Amino acid sequence: MDFNDNSGHRHDVYFRERLVHAHYLEGVITYDLGHYHLYAGVADFAPSGVQHVHSYIAYTSFDEGHKHFISC
């Protein structure tokens, strides 16, 4: 899945008759130990058209014998 590919189509999602949306997230996290981890995921749905905050949960890639849990 290419999270940067916006050429596809979109679906309007309604939850309890309210328009909601989600965002893809991806990136790289680094640490002082000289290695890095990749992560990718989708944030939880949030209402469209009003100020809001998305929560998310993701795991990093398995590198250097471990992975990390990311949440907000």
Protein backbone atom coordinates (compact mmCIF):
# COMPACT_ATOMS: atom_id res chain seq x y z
CA MET A 1 0.00 0.00 0.00
CA ASP A 2 1.42 3.36 -1.01
CA PHE A 3 0.25 5.92 1.56
CA ASN A 4 1.43 8.77 -0.66
CA ASP A 5 -0.70 7.72 -3.63
CA ASN A 6 -3.69 10.08 -3.71
CA SER A 7 -4.66 9.15 -7.26
CA GLY A 8 -7.25 6.62 -6.11
CA HIS A 9 -10.83 7.33 -5.18
CA ARG A 10 -12.40 8.42 -1.91
CA HIS A 11 -15.35 7.19 0.04
CA ASP A 12 -17.42 9.39 2.29
CA VAL A 13 -17.85 7.55 5.56
CA TYR A 14 -20.77 8.20 7.86
CA PHE A 15 -20.95 7.05 11.46
CA ARG A 16 -24.26 7.61 13.21
CA GLU A 17 -25.25 9.96 10.35
CA ARG A 18 -22.15 12.15 10.79
CA LEU A 19 -19.44 12.55 8.15
CA VAL A 20 -16.11 11.29 9.50
CA HIS A 21 -12.65 10.77 8.03
CA ALA A 22 -9.26 9.24 8.83
CA HIS A 23 -5.66 9.95 7.84
CA TYR A 24 -2.76 7.71 6.89
CA LEU A 25 0.38 8.09 8.92
CA GLU A 26 3.88 6.91 8.16
CA GLY A 27 7.40 7.87 9.05
CA VAL A 28 10.67 6.99 10.67
CA ILE A 29 11.51 7.18 14.35
CA THR A 30 15.12 7.44 15.53
CA TYR A 31 16.89 6.82 18.78
CA ASP A 32 20.29 7.70 20.20
CA LEU A 33 21.37 4.07 19.81
CA GLY A 34 22.15 4.58 16.13
CA HIS A 35 19.27 2.70 14.55
CA TYR A 36 15.81 3.56 13.27
CA HIS A 37 12.36 2.04 12.78
CA LEU A 38 9.72 2.58 10.09
CA TYR A 39 6.03 2.85 10.94
CA ALA A 40 2.76 3.14 9.02
CA GLY A 41 -0.91 3.02 9.92
CA VAL A 42 -4.28 4.74 9.82
CA ALA A 43 -5.57 7.11 12.50
CA ASP A 44 -8.98 6.56 14.09
CA PHE A 45 -12.01 8.23 12.52
CA ALA A 46 -12.82 11.80 13.58
CA PRO A 47 -15.69 14.14 12.61
CA SER A 48 -15.29 16.18 9.42
CA GLY A 49 -15.80 19.94 9.25
CA VAL A 50 -15.06 20.73 12.90
CA GLN A 51 -11.90 20.99 14.99
CA HIS A 52 -10.83 17.55 16.11
CA VAL A 53 -7.98 15.29 17.17
CA HIS A 54 -7.27 11.81 15.83
CA SER A 55 -6.02 9.05 18.08
CA TYR A 56 -3.80 6.36 16.63
CA ILE A 57 -2.01 3.13 17.42
CA ALA A 58 0.89 1.72 15.41
CA TYR A 59 3.82 -0.64 15.71
CA THR A 60 7.20 0.01 14.15
CA SER A 61 9.14 -2.35 11.94
CA PHE A 62 11.09 -5.12 13.66
CA ASP A 63 14.73 -3.99 13.57
CA GLU A 64 17.76 -4.65 15.78
CA GLY A 65 15.80 -7.45 17.49
CA HIS A 66 12.83 -5.37 18.69
CA LYS A 67 9.90 -3.15 17.72
CA HIS A 68 8.09 -0.22 19.37
CA PHE A 69 4.45 0.53 20.16
CA ILE A 70 3.28 4.08 19.27
CA SER A 71 0.02 5.58 20.51
CA CYS A 72 -1.64 8.89 21.07
